[in-house]
Amino acid sequence: MINRELIRIKIVQLTYAYYQNGNKNMDVAEKELFFSLSKAYDLYNYLLELIVAITKEERLRMEIATQRAQREGTEVPSQKFAYNKFAVQLEENKMLNDFVENQKQTWSDDIETVRKLCNQIEQSETYQAYMASDDDSYEADREVWRKLYKQLIQENGDLDGLLEEKSLYWNDDKEVVDTFVLKTIKRFEPEAKSAQELLPEYKDEEDKEFARKLFRSTILNAEQYQKYMSDASRNWDFSRLAYMDVVIMQIALAEMMTFPNIPVSVTINEYVDLAKLYSTSRSGNYINGMLDSIARYLIREGILLKIMPVRENRRQNNGTSRIEKR
């Protein structure tokens, strides 16, 4: 589940913290990185458990309404959503239940949040259309939860706030983790029953090693990377750079230099996006130009053994340098 996008996010956060907190111990910092990544996997399981918690609350509501209907001689409510086939399968899932047992982390302490979500679900057009439909297939049950998650859980400011209060590590994780929850819902199959596999913490050992190598290279080679920035960009005004911009470019250079199979363009695009997220409104464009210039300088000097497309002569937007056709 922990992919390279999430790894890059965590390394930006932890590298910045490494320089800010004054405790510059590489081994301690690396342990903190992997703990932070493990918390993202906890969030993945916790959000899946939220579906189970909502289902249990809906089942309780249905049982109370059924007893009332029986006393009053009125129509008994439908059990369709309370015993949604996908949700029941998730409730019985061995991997999820192992997580709950090991982490002791449930939604019982936040039942009001669960109840509020139940109310929102019951009022939604998606829920009402599902309840009115004659389609009682597993596919329909799975699809309604995919839609409800996207509509009411993925974009939910109150829920985001609650999760941030529960763990500082979850501040920026939910947007990425939501995509993996939705992927998990889509890949559930009824034949797997309780043995349905959830996403593993890491797809393979290579991604875990990517995190370790990138973080260590960023910190241990910091002086060299900052020298490359200075040598390649003498005509750029470094006073315009926010401190976070320097950190992001340092990590980008570590990735360019450490991983020969990752194209320069991929690295630049990834860190430009992170600059837009973590730094100033102008940082994305500025870092894009800076990293492009630095990479071309390193390639020209034979330091970086990668290929970049030829570009035409043009003026930098600060008007102080001309970058020649490579």
C-alpha atoms as a PDB file:
ATOM      1  CA  MET A   1       0.000   0.000   0.000  1.00  0.00           C
ATOM      2  CA  ILE A   2       2.825   2.381   0.829  1.00  0.00           C
ATOM      3  CA  ASN A   3       3.826   3.622  -2.613  1.00  0.00           C
ATOM      4  CA  ARG A   4       6.531   5.991  -3.767  1.00  0.00           C
ATOM      5  CA  GLU A   5       4.233   9.001  -3.746  1.00  0.00           C
ATOM      6  CA  LEU A   6       3.616   8.509  -0.031  1.00  0.00           C
ATOM      7  CA  ILE A   7       7.291   7.761   0.588  1.00  0.00           C
ATOM      8  CA  ARG A   8       8.325  11.040  -1.048  1.00  0.00           C
ATOM      9  CA  ILE A   9       5.778  12.946   1.051  1.00  0.00           C
ATOM     10  CA  LYS A  10       7.109  11.408   4.261  1.00  0.00           C
ATOM     11  CA  ILE A  11      10.727  12.082   3.324  1.00  0.00           C
ATOM     12  CA  VAL A  12       9.943  15.753   2.673  1.00  0.00           C
ATOM     13  CA  GLN A  13       8.297  15.969   6.103  1.00  0.00           C
ATOM     14  CA  LEU A  14      11.027  14.058   7.941  1.00  0.00           C
ATOM     15  CA  THR A  15      13.942  15.813   6.209  1.00  0.00           C
ATOM     16  CA  TYR A  16      12.492  19.198   7.131  1.00  0.00           C
ATOM     17  CA  ALA A  17      11.992  18.009  10.716  1.00  0.00           C
ATOM     18  CA  TYR A  18      15.539  16.597  10.799  1.00  0.00           C
ATOM     19  CA  TYR A  19      16.999  20.054  10.207  1.00  0.00           C
ATOM     20  CA  GLN A  20      14.523  21.844  12.459  1.00  0.00           C
ATOM     21  CA  ASN A  21      14.613  19.771  15.641  1.00  0.00           C
ATOM     22  CA  GLY A  22      18.384  19.874  16.198  1.00  0.00           C
ATOM     23  CA  ASN A  23      18.678  16.150  16.981  1.00  0.00           C
ATOM     24  CA  LYS A  24      20.656  15.131  13.891  1.00  0.00           C
ATOM     25  CA  ASN A  25      20.971  11.397  14.488  1.00  0.00           C
ATOM     26  CA  MET A  26      20.611   9.501  11.203  1.00  0.00           C
ATOM     27  CA  ASP A  27      19.568   6.199  12.758  1.00  0.00           C
ATOM     28  CA  VAL A  28      16.921   7.839  14.933  1.00  0.00           C
ATOM     29  CA  ALA A  29      15.630   9.822  11.950  1.00  0.00           C
ATOM     30  CA  GLU A  30      15.385   6.683   9.820  1.00  0.00           C
ATOM     31  CA  LYS A  31      13.417   4.881  12.517  1.00  0.00           C
ATOM     32  CA  GLU A  32      11.073   7.862  12.647  1.00  0.00           C
ATOM     33  CA  LEU A  33      10.600   7.669   8.866  1.00  0.00           C
ATOM     34  CA  PHE A  34       9.562   4.034   8.941  1.00  0.00           C
ATOM     35  CA  PHE A  35       7.355   4.571  11.980  1.00  0.00           C
ATOM     36  CA  SER A  36       5.638   7.404  10.113  1.00  0.00           C
ATOM     37  CA  LEU A  37       5.092   5.133   7.102  1.00  0.00           C
ATOM     38  CA  SER A  38       3.689   2.384   9.317  1.00  0.00           C
ATOM     39  CA  LYS A  39       1.182   4.879  10.720  1.00  0.00           C
ATOM     40  CA  ALA A  40      -0.073   5.485   7.193  1.00  0.00           C
ATOM     41  CA  TYR A  41      -0.778   1.751   6.935  1.00  0.00           C
ATOM     42  CA  ASP A  42      -2.604   1.948  10.265  1.00  0.00           C
ATOM     43  CA  LEU A  43      -4.789   4.689   8.790  1.00  0.00           C
ATOM     44  CA  TYR A  44      -5.604   2.471   5.809  1.00  0.00           C
ATOM     45  CA  ASN A  45      -6.884  -0.264   8.130  1.00  0.00           C
ATOM     46  CA  TYR A  46      -8.636   2.233  10.377  1.00  0.00           C
ATOM     47  CA  LEU A  47     -10.612   3.667   7.456  1.00  0.00           C
ATOM     48  CA  LEU A  48     -11.637   0.177   6.380  1.00  0.00           C
ATOM     49  CA  GLU A  49     -12.749  -0.426   9.951  1.00  0.00           C
ATOM     50  CA  LEU A  50     -14.887   2.719   9.674  1.00  0.00           C
ATOM     51  CA  ILE A  51     -17.019   0.948   7.065  1.00  0.00           C
ATOM     52  CA  VAL A  52     -17.528  -1.882   9.554  1.00  0.00           C
ATOM     53  CA  ALA A  53     -18.385   0.551  12.356  1.00  0.00           C
ATOM     54  CA  ILE A  54     -20.991   2.279  10.186  1.00  0.00           C
ATOM     55  CA  THR A  55     -22.472  -1.090   9.246  1.00  0.00           C
ATOM     56  CA  LYS A  56     -22.771  -2.129  12.885  1.00  0.00           C
ATOM     57  CA  GLU A  57     -24.466   1.154  13.773  1.00  0.00           C
ATOM     58  CA  GLU A  58     -26.880   0.742  10.863  1.00  0.00           C
ATOM     59  CA  ARG A  59     -27.627  -2.800  12.009  1.00  0.00           C
ATOM     60  CA  LEU A  60     -28.410  -1.544  15.508  1.00  0.00           C
ATOM     61  CA  ARG A  61     -30.732   1.116  14.069  1.00  0.00           C
ATOM     62  CA  MET A  62     -32.429  -1.486  11.906  1.00  0.00           C
ATOM     63  CA  GLU A  63     -32.973  -3.818  14.860  1.00  0.00           C
ATOM     64  CA  ILE A  64     -34.500  -1.015  16.964  1.00  0.00           C
ATOM     65  CA  ALA A  65     -36.751   0.009  14.073  1.00  0.00           C
ATOM     66  CA  THR A  66     -37.778  -3.624  13.544  1.00  0.00           C
ATOM     67  CA  GLN A  67     -38.805  -4.019  17.195  1.00  0.00           C
ATOM     68  CA  ARG A  68     -40.823  -0.815  16.992  1.00  0.00           C
ATOM     69  CA  ALA A  69     -42.511  -1.952  13.794  1.00  0.00           C
ATOM     70  CA  GLN A  70     -43.421  -5.295  15.338  1.00  0.00           C
ATOM     71  CA  ARG A  71     -44.924  -3.587  18.381  1.00  0.00           C
ATOM     72  CA  GLU A  72     -46.885  -1.139  16.256  1.00  0.00           C
ATOM     73  CA  GLY A  73     -47.834  -3.575  13.527  1.00  0.00           C
ATOM     74  CA  THR A  74     -46.177  -1.489  10.822  1.00  0.00           C
ATOM     75  CA  GLU A  75     -43.905  -2.492   7.961  1.00  0.00           C
ATOM     76  CA  VAL A  76     -40.586  -3.994   9.043  1.00  0.00           C
ATOM     77  CA  PRO A  77     -37.580  -2.009   7.684  1.00  0.00           C
ATOM     78  CA  SER A  78     -35.268  -3.479   5.068  1.00  0.00           C
ATOM     79  CA  GLN A  79     -32.100  -5.226   6.183  1.00  0.00           C
ATOM     80  CA  LYS A  80     -30.423  -4.535   2.855  1.00  0.00           C
ATOM     81  CA  PHE A  81     -27.834  -1.970   3.949  1.00  0.00           C
ATOM     82  CA  ALA A  82     -27.353  -3.332   7.463  1.00  0.00           C
ATOM     83  CA  TYR A  83     -26.375  -6.684   5.967  1.00  0.00           C
ATOM     84  CA  ASN A  84     -24.711  -5.344   2.823  1.00  0.00           C
ATOM     85  CA  LYS A  85     -22.764  -8.309   1.424  1.00  0.00           C
ATOM     86  CA  PHE A  86     -19.526  -6.424   0.866  1.00  0.00           C
ATOM     87  CA  ALA A  87     -19.627  -4.828   4.335  1.00  0.00           C
ATOM     88  CA  VAL A  88     -20.325  -8.178   6.010  1.00  0.00           C
ATOM     89  CA  GLN A  89     -17.387  -9.719   4.162  1.00  0.00           C
ATOM     90  CA  LEU A  90     -15.165  -6.855   5.294  1.00  0.00           C
ATOM     91  CA  GLU A  91     -16.450  -7.245   8.849  1.00  0.00           C
ATOM     92  CA  GLU A  92     -15.349 -10.886   8.789  1.00  0.00           C
ATOM     93  CA  ASN A  93     -12.007 -10.217   7.080  1.00  0.00           C
ATOM     94  CA  LYS A  94      -9.172 -11.987   8.867  1.00  0.00           C
ATOM     95  CA  MET A  95      -6.492  -9.402   8.077  1.00  0.00           C
ATOM     96  CA  LEU A  96      -8.643  -6.507   9.260  1.00  0.00           C
ATOM     97  CA  ASN A  97      -9.663  -8.321  12.428  1.00  0.00           C
ATOM     98  CA  ASP A  98      -6.012  -9.095  13.172  1.00  0.00           C
ATOM     99  CA  PHE A  99      -5.244  -5.388  12.835  1.00  0.00           C
ATOM    100  CA  VAL A 100      -8.060  -4.444  15.227  1.00  0.00           C
ATOM    101  CA  GLU A 101      -6.934  -7.079  17.711  1.00  0.00           C
ATOM    102  CA  ASN A 102      -3.268  -6.079  17.561  1.00  0.00           C
ATOM    103  CA  GLN A 103      -3.692  -2.307  17.503  1.00  0.00           C
ATOM    104  CA  LYS A 104      -6.696  -2.099  19.841  1.00  0.00           C
ATOM    105  CA  GLN A 105      -7.921   0.738  17.657  1.00  0.00           C
ATOM    106  CA  THR A 106     -11.663   0.905  17.016  1.00  0.00           C
ATOM    107  CA  TRP A 107     -14.291   3.571  16.430  1.00  0.00           C
ATOM    108  CA  SER A 108     -16.092   2.903  19.710  1.00  0.00           C
ATOM    109  CA  ASP A 109     -14.627   6.057  21.276  1.00  0.00           C
ATOM    110  CA  ASP A 110     -15.891   8.152  18.360  1.00  0.00           C
ATOM    111  CA  ILE A 111     -19.400   6.785  18.031  1.00  0.00           C
ATOM    112  CA  GLU A 112     -20.854  10.251  17.463  1.00  0.00           C
ATOM    113  CA  THR A 113     -18.736  10.599  14.334  1.00  0.00           C
ATOM    114  CA  VAL A 114     -20.003   7.208  13.162  1.00  0.00           C
ATOM    115  CA  ARG A 115     -23.616   8.194  13.860  1.00  0.00           C
ATOM    116  CA  LYS A 116     -23.205  11.476  12.003  1.00  0.00           C
ATOM    117  CA  LEU A 117     -21.883   9.583   8.995  1.00  0.00           C
ATOM    118  CA  CYS A 118     -24.823   7.186   9.204  1.00  0.00           C
ATOM    119  CA  ASN A 119     -27.208  10.145   9.096  1.00  0.00           C
ATOM    120  CA  GLN A 120     -25.424  11.587   6.072  1.00  0.00           C
ATOM    121  CA  ILE A 121     -25.493   8.231   4.320  1.00  0.00           C
ATOM    122  CA  GLU A 122     -29.209   7.713   4.955  1.00  0.00           C
ATOM    123  CA  GLN A 123     -29.969  11.162   3.552  1.00  0.00           C
ATOM    124  CA  SER A 124     -27.871  10.669   0.418  1.00  0.00           C
ATOM    125  CA  GLU A 125     -29.335   9.987  -3.003  1.00  0.00           C
ATOM    126  CA  THR A 126     -26.894   7.109  -3.443  1.00  0.00           C
ATOM    127  CA  TYR A 127     -28.256   5.307  -0.385  1.00  0.00           C
ATOM    128  CA  GLN A 128     -31.884   5.959  -1.275  1.00  0.00           C
ATOM    129  CA  ALA A 129     -31.415   4.711  -4.836  1.00  0.00           C
ATOM    130  CA  TYR A 130     -29.677   1.591  -3.493  1.00  0.00           C
ATOM    131  CA  MET A 131     -32.456   0.846  -1.023  1.00  0.00           C
ATOM    132  CA  ALA A 132     -35.116   1.333  -3.697  1.00  0.00           C
ATOM    133  CA  SER A 133     -33.368  -0.949  -6.187  1.00  0.00           C
ATOM    134  CA  ASP A 134     -34.311  -4.605  -6.686  1.00  0.00           C
ATOM    135  CA  ASP A 135     -30.685  -5.462  -7.440  1.00  0.00           C
ATOM    136  CA  ASP A 136     -29.470  -7.551  -4.516  1.00  0.00           C
ATOM    137  CA  SER A 137     -26.204  -8.684  -6.108  1.00  0.00           C
ATOM    138  CA  TYR A 138     -22.808  -8.601  -4.433  1.00  0.00           C
ATOM    139  CA  GLU A 139     -21.633  -6.208  -7.159  1.00  0.00           C
ATOM    140  CA  ALA A 140     -24.375  -3.706  -6.282  1.00  0.00           C
ATOM    141  CA  ASP A 141     -23.509  -3.961  -2.585  1.00  0.00           C
ATOM    142  CA  ARG A 142     -19.833  -3.365  -3.259  1.00  0.00           C
ATOM    143  CA  GLU A 143     -20.534  -0.487  -5.651  1.00  0.00           C
ATOM    144  CA  VAL A 144     -22.767   1.393  -3.231  1.00  0.00           C
ATOM    145  CA  TRP A 145     -19.967   1.419  -0.691  1.00  0.00           C
ATOM    146  CA  ARG A 146     -17.469   2.617  -3.268  1.00  0.00           C
ATOM    147  CA  LYS A 147     -19.778   5.530  -4.105  1.00  0.00           C
ATOM    148  CA  LEU A 148     -20.578   6.350  -0.483  1.00  0.00           C
ATOM    149  CA  TYR A 149     -16.906   6.344   0.444  1.00  0.00           C
ATOM    150  CA  LYS A 150     -16.045   8.744  -2.389  1.00  0.00           C
ATOM    151  CA  GLN A 151     -18.957  11.052  -1.641  1.00  0.00           C
ATOM    152  CA  LEU A 152     -19.029  11.156   2.152  1.00  0.00           C
ATOM    153  CA  ILE A 153     -15.754   9.849   3.581  1.00  0.00           C
ATOM    154  CA  GLN A 154     -13.083  10.819   1.073  1.00  0.00           C
ATOM    155  CA  GLU A 155     -14.101  14.484   1.110  1.00  0.00           C
ATOM    156  CA  ASN A 156     -15.063  15.062   4.738  1.00  0.00           C
ATOM    157  CA  GLY A 157     -13.492  17.957   6.629  1.00  0.00           C
ATOM    158  CA  ASP A 158     -14.881  16.922  10.022  1.00  0.00           C
ATOM    159  CA  LEU A 159     -13.473  13.419   9.636  1.00  0.00           C
ATOM    160  CA  ASP A 160     -10.121  14.786   8.476  1.00  0.00           C
ATOM    161  CA  GLY A 161      -9.977  16.970  11.592  1.00  0.00           C
ATOM    162  CA  LEU A 162     -10.749  14.036  13.879  1.00  0.00           C
ATOM    163  CA  LEU A 163      -8.049  11.891  12.283  1.00  0.00           C
ATOM    164  CA  GLU A 164      -5.473  14.668  12.603  1.00  0.00           C
ATOM    165  CA  GLU A 165      -6.291  14.916  16.318  1.00  0.00           C
ATOM    166  CA  LYS A 166      -5.740  11.181  16.696  1.00  0.00           C
ATOM    167  CA  SER A 167      -2.306  11.188  15.102  1.00  0.00           C
ATOM    168  CA  LEU A 168       0.033  13.940  13.940  1.00  0.00           C
ATOM    169  CA  TYR A 169       1.342  11.427  11.426  1.00  0.00           C
ATOM    170  CA  TRP A 170      -2.029  11.410   9.639  1.00  0.00           C
ATOM    171  CA  ASN A 171      -2.081  15.136   8.802  1.00  0.00           C
ATOM    172  CA  ASP A 172      -1.219  14.676   5.149  1.00  0.00           C
ATOM    173  CA  ASP A 173      -1.866  10.961   4.675  1.00  0.00           C
ATOM    174  CA  LYS A 174      -5.587  10.666   4.159  1.00  0.00           C
ATOM    175  CA  GLU A 175      -5.752  11.941   0.581  1.00  0.00           C
ATOM    176  CA  VAL A 176      -3.326   9.236  -0.561  1.00  0.00           C
ATOM    177  CA  VAL A 177      -4.696   6.517   1.735  1.00  0.00           C
ATOM    178  CA  ASP A 178      -8.255   7.154   0.491  1.00  0.00           C
ATOM    179  CA  THR A 179      -7.190   6.022  -2.984  1.00  0.00           C
ATOM    180  CA  PHE A 180      -6.008   2.728  -1.540  1.00  0.00           C
ATOM    181  CA  VAL A 181      -9.221   2.182   0.409  1.00  0.00           C
ATOM    182  CA  LEU A 182     -11.197   2.681  -2.811  1.00  0.00           C
ATOM    183  CA  LYS A 183      -8.852   0.315  -4.628  1.00  0.00           C
ATOM    184  CA  THR A 184      -9.415  -2.276  -1.909  1.00  0.00           C
ATOM    185  CA  ILE A 185     -13.207  -1.995  -2.128  1.00  0.00           C
ATOM    186  CA  LYS A 186     -13.042  -2.501  -5.890  1.00  0.00           C
ATOM    187  CA  ARG A 187     -10.867  -5.616  -5.690  1.00  0.00           C
ATOM    188  CA  PHE A 188     -13.000  -7.495  -3.121  1.00  0.00           C
ATOM    189  CA  GLU A 189     -14.495 -10.726  -4.483  1.00  0.00           C
ATOM    190  CA  PRO A 190     -17.208 -12.771  -2.747  1.00  0.00           C
ATOM    191  CA  GLU A 191     -15.421 -16.082  -3.428  1.00  0.00           C
ATOM    192  CA  ALA A 192     -12.513 -15.024  -1.183  1.00  0.00           C
ATOM    193  CA  LYS A 193     -14.834 -14.705   1.828  1.00  0.00           C
ATOM    194  CA  SER A 194     -12.950 -13.807   5.037  1.00  0.00           C
ATOM    195  CA  ALA A 195      -9.602 -14.667   3.440  1.00  0.00           C
ATOM    196  CA  GLN A 196      -9.794 -11.741   0.995  1.00  0.00           C
ATOM    197  CA  GLU A 197      -6.362 -10.134   1.010  1.00  0.00           C
ATOM    198  CA  LEU A 198      -6.046  -6.482   1.912  1.00  0.00           C
ATOM    199  CA  LEU A 199      -3.208  -4.451   0.443  1.00  0.00           C
ATOM    200  CA  PRO A 200       0.161  -5.305   2.031  1.00  0.00           C
ATOM    201  CA  GLU A 201       2.069  -2.613   3.894  1.00  0.00           C
ATOM    202  CA  TYR A 202       4.668  -2.549   1.104  1.00  0.00           C
ATOM    203  CA  LYS A 203       4.169  -3.888  -2.413  1.00  0.00           C
ATOM    204  CA  ASP A 204       7.658  -5.383  -2.250  1.00  0.00           C
ATOM    205  CA  GLU A 205      11.001  -4.954  -0.503  1.00  0.00           C
ATOM    206  CA  GLU A 206      12.157  -2.654  -3.318  1.00  0.00           C
ATOM    207  CA  ASP A 207       9.817   0.146  -2.224  1.00  0.00           C
ATOM    208  CA  LYS A 208      10.983  -0.130   1.381  1.00  0.00           C
ATOM    209  CA  GLU A 209      14.581   0.024   0.195  1.00  0.00           C
ATOM    210  CA  PHE A 210      13.707   3.043  -1.970  1.00  0.00           C
ATOM    211  CA  ALA A 211      12.584   4.876   1.172  1.00  0.00           C
ATOM    212  CA  ARG A 212      15.728   3.974   3.094  1.00  0.00           C
ATOM    213  CA  LYS A 213      18.175   4.829   0.306  1.00  0.00           C
ATOM    214  CA  LEU A 214      16.474   8.100  -0.645  1.00  0.00           C
ATOM    215  CA  PHE A 215      16.322   9.364   2.930  1.00  0.00           C
ATOM    216  CA  ARG A 216      19.912   8.408   3.731  1.00  0.00           C
ATOM    217  CA  SER A 217      21.228   9.868   0.491  1.00  0.00           C
ATOM    218  CA  THR A 218      19.348  13.121   1.130  1.00  0.00           C
ATOM    219  CA  ILE A 219      20.874  13.579   4.583  1.00  0.00           C
ATOM    220  CA  LEU A 220      24.334  12.104   4.173  1.00  0.00           C
ATOM    221  CA  ASN A 221      25.107  13.862   0.874  1.00  0.00           C
ATOM    222  CA  ALA A 222      23.449  17.166   1.746  1.00  0.00           C
ATOM    223  CA  GLU A 223      26.581  19.313   1.394  1.00  0.00           C
ATOM    224  CA  GLN A 224      27.397  17.876  -2.019  1.00  0.00           C
ATOM    225  CA  TYR A 225      23.859  18.376  -3.316  1.00  0.00           C
ATOM    226  CA  GLN A 226      23.757  21.950  -2.058  1.00  0.00           C
ATOM    227  CA  LYS A 227      27.094  22.593  -3.801  1.00  0.00           C
ATOM    228  CA  TYR A 228      25.572  21.273  -7.042  1.00  0.00           C
ATOM    229  CA  MET A 229      22.697  23.704  -6.584  1.00  0.00           C
ATOM    230  CA  SER A 230      25.101  26.572  -6.082  1.00  0.00           C
ATOM    231  CA  ASP A 231      27.435  25.634  -8.959  1.00  0.00           C
ATOM    232  CA  ALA A 232      24.633  25.079 -11.434  1.00  0.00           C
ATOM    233  CA  SER A 233      22.533  28.076 -10.534  1.00  0.00           C
ATOM    234  CA  ARG A 234      24.835  31.022  -9.903  1.00  0.00           C
ATOM    235  CA  ASN A 235      22.522  33.340 -11.802  1.00  0.00           C
ATOM    236  CA  TRP A 236      19.497  32.390  -9.721  1.00  0.00           C
ATOM    237  CA  ASP A 237      18.589  34.465  -6.706  1.00  0.00           C
ATOM    238  CA  PHE A 238      18.665  32.010  -3.798  1.00  0.00           C
ATOM    239  CA  SER A 239      17.224  34.634  -1.469  1.00  0.00           C
ATOM    240  CA  ARG A 240      13.914  33.994  -3.254  1.00  0.00           C
ATOM    241  CA  LEU A 241      13.902  30.405  -2.045  1.00  0.00           C
ATOM    242  CA  ALA A 242      11.885  29.353   0.962  1.00  0.00           C
ATOM    243  CA  TYR A 243      13.756  26.932   3.237  1.00  0.00           C
ATOM    244  CA  MET A 244      11.319  24.181   2.283  1.00  0.00           C
ATOM    245  CA  ASP A 245      12.231  24.752  -1.377  1.00  0.00           C
ATOM    246  CA  VAL A 246      15.875  23.982  -0.609  1.00  0.00           C
ATOM    247  CA  VAL A 247      14.866  20.815   1.237  1.00  0.00           C
ATOM    248  CA  ILE A 248      12.660  19.662  -1.641  1.00  0.00           C
ATOM    249  CA  MET A 249      15.393  20.290  -4.236  1.00  0.00           C
ATOM    250  CA  GLN A 250      17.916  18.459  -2.074  1.00  0.00           C
ATOM    251  CA  ILE A 251      15.663  15.389  -1.980  1.00  0.00           C
ATOM    252  CA  ALA A 252      15.033  15.639  -5.725  1.00  0.00           C
ATOM    253  CA  LEU A 253      18.782  15.691  -6.393  1.00  0.00           C
ATOM    254  CA  ALA A 254      19.224  12.689  -4.094  1.00  0.00           C
ATOM    255  CA  GLU A 255      16.655  10.813  -6.170  1.00  0.00           C
ATOM    256  CA  MET A 256      18.285  11.826  -9.476  1.00  0.00           C
ATOM    257  CA  MET A 257      21.730  10.735  -8.284  1.00  0.00           C
ATOM    258  CA  THR A 258      20.759   7.565  -6.406  1.00  0.00           C
ATOM    259  CA  PHE A 259      18.238   5.896  -8.708  1.00  0.00           C
ATOM    260  CA  PRO A 260      19.501   5.552 -12.300  1.00  0.00           C
ATOM    261  CA  ASN A 261      16.266   3.989 -13.569  1.00  0.00           C
ATOM    262  CA  ILE A 262      14.022   6.921 -12.618  1.00  0.00           C
ATOM    263  CA  PRO A 263      13.885   9.483 -15.467  1.00  0.00           C
ATOM    264  CA  VAL A 264      14.815  13.050 -14.587  1.00  0.00           C
ATOM    265  CA  SER A 265      11.432  14.303 -15.834  1.00  0.00           C
ATOM    266  CA  VAL A 266       9.591  11.982 -13.442  1.00  0.00           C
ATOM    267  CA  THR A 267      11.653  13.189 -10.478  1.00  0.00           C
ATOM    268  CA  ILE A 268      11.165  16.858 -11.368  1.00  0.00           C
ATOM    269  CA  ASN A 269       7.393  16.455 -11.773  1.00  0.00           C
ATOM    270  CA  GLU A 270       7.059  14.652  -8.440  1.00  0.00           C
ATOM    271  CA  TYR A 271       8.907  17.321  -6.477  1.00  0.00           C
ATOM    272  CA  VAL A 272       7.270  20.238  -8.262  1.00  0.00           C
ATOM    273  CA  ASP A 273       3.942  18.797  -7.057  1.00  0.00           C
ATOM    274  CA  LEU A 274       5.309  18.511  -3.527  1.00  0.00           C
ATOM    275  CA  ALA A 275       6.530  22.109  -3.648  1.00  0.00           C
ATOM    276  CA  LYS A 276       3.024  23.247  -4.559  1.00  0.00           C
ATOM    277  CA  LEU A 277       1.707  21.298  -1.575  1.00  0.00           C
ATOM    278  CA  TYR A 278       4.283  22.208   1.083  1.00  0.00           C
ATOM    279  CA  SER A 279       5.850  25.521   0.087  1.00  0.00           C
ATOM    280  CA  THR A 280       4.786  28.865  -1.375  1.00  0.00           C
ATOM    281  CA  SER A 281       2.420  29.522  -4.267  1.00  0.00           C
ATOM    282  CA  ARG A 282       5.379  30.440  -6.484  1.00  0.00           C
ATOM    283  CA  SER A 283       7.567  27.490  -5.508  1.00  0.00           C
ATOM    284  CA  GLY A 284       6.305  25.026  -8.098  1.00  0.00           C
ATOM    285  CA  ASN A 285       7.365  27.048 -11.145  1.00  0.00           C
ATOM    286  CA  TYR A 286      10.574  28.197  -9.523  1.00  0.00           C
ATOM    287  CA  ILE A 287      11.663  24.697  -8.493  1.00  0.00           C
ATOM    288  CA  ASN A 288      10.734  23.331 -11.902  1.00  0.00           C
ATOM    289  CA  GLY A 289      13.154  25.768 -13.583  1.00  0.00           C
ATOM    290  CA  MET A 290      15.844  25.269 -10.944  1.00  0.00           C
ATOM    291  CA  LEU A 291      15.814  21.468 -11.072  1.00  0.00           C
ATOM    292  CA  ASP A 292      15.790  21.491 -14.862  1.00  0.00           C
ATOM    293  CA  SER A 293      18.858  23.767 -14.910  1.00  0.00           C
ATOM    294  CA  ILE A 294      20.698  21.788 -12.225  1.00  0.00           C
ATOM    295  CA  ALA A 295      20.028  18.433 -13.921  1.00  0.00           C
ATOM    296  CA  ARG A 296      21.276  19.732 -17.279  1.00  0.00           C
ATOM    297  CA  TYR A 297      24.405  21.117 -15.636  1.00  0.00           C
ATOM    298  CA  LEU A 298      25.122  17.778 -13.914  1.00  0.00           C
ATOM    299  CA  ILE A 299      24.590  15.866 -17.168  1.00  0.00           C
ATOM    300  CA  ARG A 300      26.845  18.261 -19.069  1.00  0.00           C
ATOM    301  CA  GLU A 301      29.558  17.870 -16.427  1.00  0.00           C
ATOM    302  CA  GLY A 302      29.302  14.071 -16.544  1.00  0.00           C
ATOM    303  CA  ILE A 303      28.152  13.907 -12.932  1.00  0.00           C
ATOM    304  CA  LEU A 304      24.620  12.697 -13.697  1.00  0.00           C
ATOM    305  CA  LEU A 305      24.470   9.882 -16.246  1.00  0.00           C
ATOM    306  CA  LYS A 306      20.958  10.414 -17.516  1.00  0.00           C
ATOM    307  CA  ILE A 307      19.327  11.842 -20.635  1.00  0.00           C
ATOM    308  CA  MET A 308      17.102  14.902 -20.955  1.00  0.00           C
ATOM    309  CA  PRO A 309      15.345  16.245 -24.074  1.00  0.00           C
ATOM    310  CA  VAL A 310      16.950  19.088 -26.008  1.00  0.00           C
ATOM    311  CA  ARG A 311      15.499  22.500 -25.295  1.00  0.00           C
ATOM    312  CA  GLU A 312      15.731  25.746 -27.223  1.00  0.00           C
ATOM    313  CA  ASN A 313      17.552  28.908 -26.145  1.00  0.00           C
ATOM    314  CA  ARG A 314      15.412  30.952 -23.808  1.00  0.00           C
ATOM    315  CA  ARG A 315      15.666  33.599 -21.138  1.00  0.00           C
ATOM    316  CA  GLN A 316      15.092  32.692 -17.509  1.00  0.00           C
ATOM    317  CA  ASN A 317      12.090  34.499 -16.101  1.00  0.00           C
ATOM    318  CA  ASN A 318      14.352  36.617 -13.895  1.00  0.00           C
ATOM    319  CA  GLY A 319      16.157  37.846 -17.013  1.00  0.00           C
ATOM    320  CA  THR A 320      19.623  37.233 -15.566  1.00  0.00           C
ATOM    321  CA  SER A 321      20.824  34.188 -17.502  1.00  0.00           C
ATOM    322  CA  ARG A 322      20.595  32.476 -20.860  1.00  0.00           C
ATOM    323  CA  ILE A 323      20.448  28.703 -20.926  1.00  0.00           C
ATOM    324  CA  GLU A 324      21.947  27.447 -24.152  1.00  0.00           C
ATOM    325  CA  LYS A 325      20.582  24.705 -26.356  1.00  0.00           C
ATOM    326  CA  ARG A 326      21.871  21.373 -25.061  1.00  0.00           C
END
